[in-house]
Amino acid sequence: MNEDIKVLVVEDDQDLRESVVEYLNLAGLTASGVGSAAECYHTLNSGDWCVAVVDIGLPDQSGYVLVEYIRANTAMRVIILTARDAIDDRVKGYDSGADIYLVKPVDCRELTAAIISLAQRQLAKTDPPPTLHQPESWSLVRSDWALFAPGGINIALTAKELQFLQLLTTSPGKPVDRDTLLSKLYLRHDEYTSRSLDSLVRRLRAKIMTATGYTAPIKTAHAVGYCFSAPLSIS
């Protein structure tokens, strides 16, 4: 049921915020809005939110930073809704953890469809593969954009996180070098993409720790790259 989809709209333009929230509620979702990053941090603790719609130009903090926090510390899906349409802004948005990047003005029908699509993926109760019953076994399920930890805990992934973990499965238990990861993930190797890779790994480790309570089996091989140190199947 769509009313189970709880949406938090983070937008400093009050008129736009209120109109988006009203439309989403009329569409059958459960939506609320806040006007700043500070309000968002406070509100995150007061509800079981499913999707966040975040503007980049917030008055008290960059929306990119807020998106990184949401993806690292919650299981929410994130849509960036902004007037910034430059390719560098889009890339930065996806690097920060956004699932979808939409440019204003946006048709609320498209926004609603995007929210429902992400939420259905998030709310789906997918049974973990049998291999999860093996000690310390993990499973990457591409169709669900999810990593299943031992015991069946479902960790929602962004497109870049999913691609990163898929690359690690090509060399089970052994490190994949940074050059390979950078060329596959970002199509180039420079200081910016190198920092983006490290940021991606940091967020993913934090997300796994938050969801499971134990350290992520993503290990750094000094001067080489990264590896997934636990058994990992992919389907």
Protein backbone atom coordinates (compact mmCIF):
# COMPACT_ATOMS: atom_id res chain seq x y z
CA MET A 1 0.00 0.00 0.00
CA ASN A 2 1.33 3.44 -0.95
CA GLU A 3 0.43 4.92 2.44
CA ASP A 4 3.20 2.74 3.89
CA ILE A 5 5.68 4.80 1.86
CA LYS A 6 6.89 7.56 4.19
CA VAL A 7 8.60 10.41 2.36
CA LEU A 8 10.64 13.24 3.88
CA VAL A 9 10.96 16.30 1.63
CA VAL A 10 13.96 18.52 2.50
CA GLU A 11 13.45 21.83 0.67
CA ASP A 12 14.04 25.40 1.88
CA ASP A 13 11.55 26.96 -0.56
CA GLN A 14 8.40 26.84 1.56
CA ASP A 15 5.93 27.16 -1.31
CA LEU A 16 7.60 24.40 -3.30
CA ARG A 17 7.98 22.20 -0.24
CA GLU A 18 4.34 22.51 0.72
CA SER A 19 3.11 21.91 -2.83
CA VAL A 20 5.25 18.78 -3.24
CA VAL A 21 4.18 17.40 0.14
CA GLU A 22 0.53 18.10 -0.67
CA TYR A 23 0.79 16.37 -4.05
CA LEU A 24 2.49 13.30 -2.57
CA ASN A 25 -0.14 12.99 0.14
CA LEU A 26 -2.94 13.32 -2.43
CA ALA A 27 -1.20 10.58 -4.43
CA GLY A 28 -1.64 8.27 -1.44
CA LEU A 29 1.84 8.48 0.07
CA THR A 30 2.64 9.69 3.59
CA ALA A 31 4.79 12.80 3.17
CA SER A 32 6.18 15.50 5.45
CA GLY A 33 8.51 18.40 4.78
CA VAL A 34 11.33 20.27 6.50
CA GLY A 35 13.21 23.39 5.45
CA SER A 36 16.78 22.75 6.58
CA ALA A 37 19.39 20.07 7.20
CA ALA A 38 19.10 20.62 10.97
CA GLU A 39 15.37 19.93 10.85
CA CYS A 40 16.04 16.86 8.76
CA TYR A 41 18.53 15.40 11.26
CA HIS A 42 15.98 15.91 14.03
CA THR A 43 13.12 14.45 12.02
CA LEU A 44 15.02 11.34 10.93
CA ASN A 45 14.79 10.07 14.51
CA SER A 46 11.03 10.50 14.70
CA GLY A 47 9.76 8.18 12.01
CA ASP A 48 10.37 5.10 9.90
CA TRP A 49 11.14 7.00 6.71
CA CYS A 50 11.49 5.21 3.40
CA VAL A 51 12.56 7.87 0.88
CA ALA A 52 14.13 11.32 1.25
CA VAL A 53 13.76 14.02 -1.42
CA VAL A 54 16.64 16.44 -0.86
CA ASP A 55 17.46 19.85 -2.32
CA ILE A 56 21.17 20.66 -2.67
CA GLY A 57 21.00 24.38 -1.83
CA LEU A 58 19.93 24.19 1.79
CA PRO A 59 20.51 27.24 4.04
CA ASP A 60 22.56 25.54 6.75
CA GLN A 61 24.45 22.71 5.04
CA SER A 62 25.19 21.33 1.60
CA GLY A 63 22.59 18.83 0.48
CA TYR A 64 25.44 16.57 -0.67
CA VAL A 65 26.63 16.24 2.93
CA LEU A 66 23.10 15.49 4.08
CA VAL A 67 22.68 12.81 1.42
CA GLU A 68 25.94 11.18 2.50
CA TYR A 69 24.72 11.11 6.10
CA ILE A 70 21.34 9.62 5.20
CA ARG A 71 22.87 6.85 3.10
CA ALA A 72 25.57 6.04 5.66
CA ASN A 73 23.28 6.02 8.70
CA THR A 74 19.85 4.88 7.47
CA ALA A 75 18.33 2.41 5.02
CA MET A 76 16.46 5.20 3.20
CA ARG A 77 16.52 5.74 -0.53
CA VAL A 78 17.42 9.26 -1.66
CA ILE A 79 16.26 11.45 -4.54
CA ILE A 80 18.08 14.73 -5.16
CA LEU A 81 15.73 17.43 -6.48
CA THR A 82 17.64 20.56 -7.46
CA ALA A 83 17.95 23.35 -10.01
CA ARG A 84 21.61 22.43 -10.61
CA ASP A 85 21.81 20.64 -13.96
CA ALA A 86 25.57 20.61 -14.66
CA ILE A 87 27.12 17.19 -15.22
CA ASP A 88 29.63 17.76 -12.39
CA ASP A 89 26.74 18.38 -9.99
CA ARG A 90 24.99 15.23 -11.17
CA VAL A 91 28.14 13.14 -10.72
CA LYS A 92 28.71 14.60 -7.26
CA GLY A 93 25.10 13.80 -6.38
CA TYR A 94 25.45 10.16 -7.31
CA ASP A 95 28.84 9.96 -5.60
CA SER A 96 27.25 11.27 -2.40
CA GLY A 97 24.79 8.37 -2.47
CA ALA A 98 21.71 9.56 -4.36
CA ASP A 99 19.65 6.91 -6.11
CA ILE A 100 18.03 9.39 -8.52
CA TYR A 101 18.98 12.96 -9.53
CA LEU A 102 16.09 15.11 -10.79
CA VAL A 103 16.35 18.70 -12.03
CA LYS A 104 13.75 21.37 -11.23
CA PRO A 105 11.19 22.04 -12.44
CA VAL A 106 9.98 18.44 -12.26
CA ASP A 107 6.55 17.04 -13.01
CA CYS A 108 5.21 15.74 -9.70
CA ARG A 109 3.93 12.66 -11.50
CA GLU A 110 7.51 11.72 -12.38
CA LEU A 111 8.68 12.42 -8.83
CA THR A 112 5.88 10.28 -7.41
CA ALA A 113 6.68 7.41 -9.79
CA ALA A 114 10.37 7.59 -8.84
CA ILE A 115 9.54 7.53 -5.13
CA ILE A 116 7.20 4.55 -5.46
CA SER A 117 9.74 2.63 -7.55
CA LEU A 118 12.50 3.16 -4.98
CA ALA A 119 10.20 2.48 -2.04
CA GLN A 120 8.90 -0.79 -3.43
CA ARG A 121 12.48 -1.97 -3.76
CA GLN A 122 13.18 -0.84 -0.20
CA LEU A 123 10.04 -2.35 1.33
CA ALA A 124 10.19 -5.65 -0.57
CA LYS A 125 10.63 -8.60 1.72
CA THR A 126 12.97 -10.72 -0.31
CA ASP A 127 13.96 -14.12 1.09
CA PRO A 128 17.75 -14.41 1.29
CA PRO A 129 19.42 -17.15 -0.72
CA PRO A 130 20.14 -20.45 1.08
CA THR A 131 23.87 -19.67 1.16
CA LEU A 132 23.14 -17.10 3.85
CA HIS A 133 22.65 -19.93 6.34
CA GLN A 134 26.33 -20.78 6.02
CA PRO A 135 28.57 -19.18 8.66
CA GLU A 136 29.84 -15.73 7.70
CA SER A 137 28.32 -15.96 4.20
CA TRP A 138 27.13 -12.83 2.38
CA SER A 139 25.06 -12.51 -0.76
CA LEU A 140 24.81 -9.75 -3.34
CA VAL A 141 21.37 -9.69 -5.03
CA ARG A 142 21.59 -7.43 -8.07
CA SER A 143 17.87 -7.40 -8.87
CA ASP A 144 17.12 -5.96 -5.41
CA TRP A 145 20.17 -3.66 -5.26
CA ALA A 146 20.87 -5.27 -1.91
CA LEU A 147 23.61 -6.93 0.09
CA PHE A 148 22.41 -9.67 2.46
CA ALA A 149 24.52 -10.13 5.57
CA PRO A 150 24.74 -13.38 7.56
CA GLY A 151 21.38 -13.91 9.20
CA GLY A 152 19.47 -12.29 6.33
CA ILE A 153 19.91 -8.59 7.14
CA ASN A 154 19.10 -6.57 4.00
CA ILE A 155 21.41 -3.63 3.23
CA ALA A 156 20.11 -1.34 0.47
CA LEU A 157 22.76 -0.24 -2.03
CA THR A 158 23.25 2.66 -4.40
CA ALA A 159 24.18 1.98 -8.02
CA LYS A 160 27.85 2.77 -7.36
CA GLU A 161 27.94 0.58 -4.22
CA LEU A 162 26.40 -2.32 -6.13
CA GLN A 163 28.90 -1.92 -8.96
CA PHE A 164 31.80 -1.70 -6.48
CA LEU A 165 30.81 -4.95 -4.74
CA GLN A 166 30.31 -6.70 -8.07
CA LEU A 167 33.87 -5.76 -8.99
CA LEU A 168 35.16 -7.24 -5.73
CA THR A 169 33.45 -10.57 -6.53
CA THR A 170 35.67 -10.93 -9.61
CA SER A 171 38.59 -11.72 -7.32
CA PRO A 172 37.22 -13.64 -4.29
CA GLY A 173 39.31 -13.05 -1.19
CA LYS A 174 41.94 -11.15 -3.16
CA PRO A 175 42.29 -7.39 -3.61
CA VAL A 176 41.11 -5.63 -6.74
CA ASP A 177 43.58 -2.87 -7.58
CA ARG A 178 42.57 0.79 -7.42
CA ASP A 179 43.26 1.43 -11.10
CA THR A 180 40.77 -1.25 -12.09
CA LEU A 181 38.15 0.03 -9.66
CA LEU A 182 38.57 3.65 -10.77
CA SER A 183 38.43 2.84 -14.47
CA LYS A 184 35.30 0.71 -14.05
CA LEU A 185 33.47 2.97 -11.60
CA TYR A 186 34.41 6.43 -12.87
CA LEU A 187 35.94 5.86 -16.34
CA ARG A 188 39.01 7.85 -15.36
CA HIS A 189 41.75 7.99 -12.72
CA ASP A 190 42.54 11.32 -11.08
CA GLU A 191 42.64 12.89 -7.63
CA TYR A 192 38.90 13.62 -7.62
CA THR A 193 37.82 10.08 -8.54
CA SER A 194 40.36 8.62 -6.11
CA ARG A 195 38.76 10.59 -3.27
CA SER A 196 35.32 9.56 -4.53
CA LEU A 197 36.30 5.88 -4.31
CA ASP A 198 37.57 6.24 -0.75
CA SER A 199 34.40 8.12 0.20
CA LEU A 200 32.25 5.38 -1.34
CA VAL A 201 34.06 2.70 0.67
CA ARG A 202 33.80 4.73 3.87
CA ARG A 203 30.04 5.21 3.44
CA LEU A 204 29.48 1.56 2.58
CA ARG A 205 31.45 0.36 5.61
CA ALA A 206 29.45 2.70 7.86
CA LYS A 207 26.17 1.53 6.34
CA ILE A 208 27.06 -2.13 6.93
CA MET A 209 28.15 -1.40 10.49
CA THR A 210 24.90 0.46 11.19
CA ALA A 211 22.73 -2.32 9.75
CA THR A 212 24.54 -5.33 11.21
CA GLY A 213 26.46 -4.12 14.25
CA TYR A 214 29.76 -5.56 13.10
CA THR A 215 32.68 -4.49 10.97
CA ALA A 216 32.23 -4.69 7.21
CA PRO A 217 34.40 -7.34 5.51
CA ILE A 218 35.72 -4.75 3.05
CA LYS A 219 39.44 -4.70 3.62
CA THR A 220 42.04 -2.23 2.42
CA ALA A 221 45.09 -3.77 0.78
CA HIS A 222 47.74 -1.09 1.31
CA ALA A 223 49.05 0.36 -1.95
CA VAL A 224 46.92 -2.14 -3.89
CA GLY A 225 43.16 -1.70 -3.54
CA TYR A 226 40.22 -3.34 -1.77
CA CYS A 227 38.90 -6.85 -1.22
CA PHE A 228 35.83 -8.52 0.29
CA SER A 229 37.32 -10.81 2.93
CA ALA A 230 34.23 -12.97 3.65
CA PRO A 231 32.51 -15.51 1.37
CA LEU A 232 30.31 -13.56 -1.05
CA SER A 233 27.89 -15.00 -3.60
CA ILE A 234 26.21 -12.99 -6.35
CA SER A 235 22.86 -13.51 -8.04
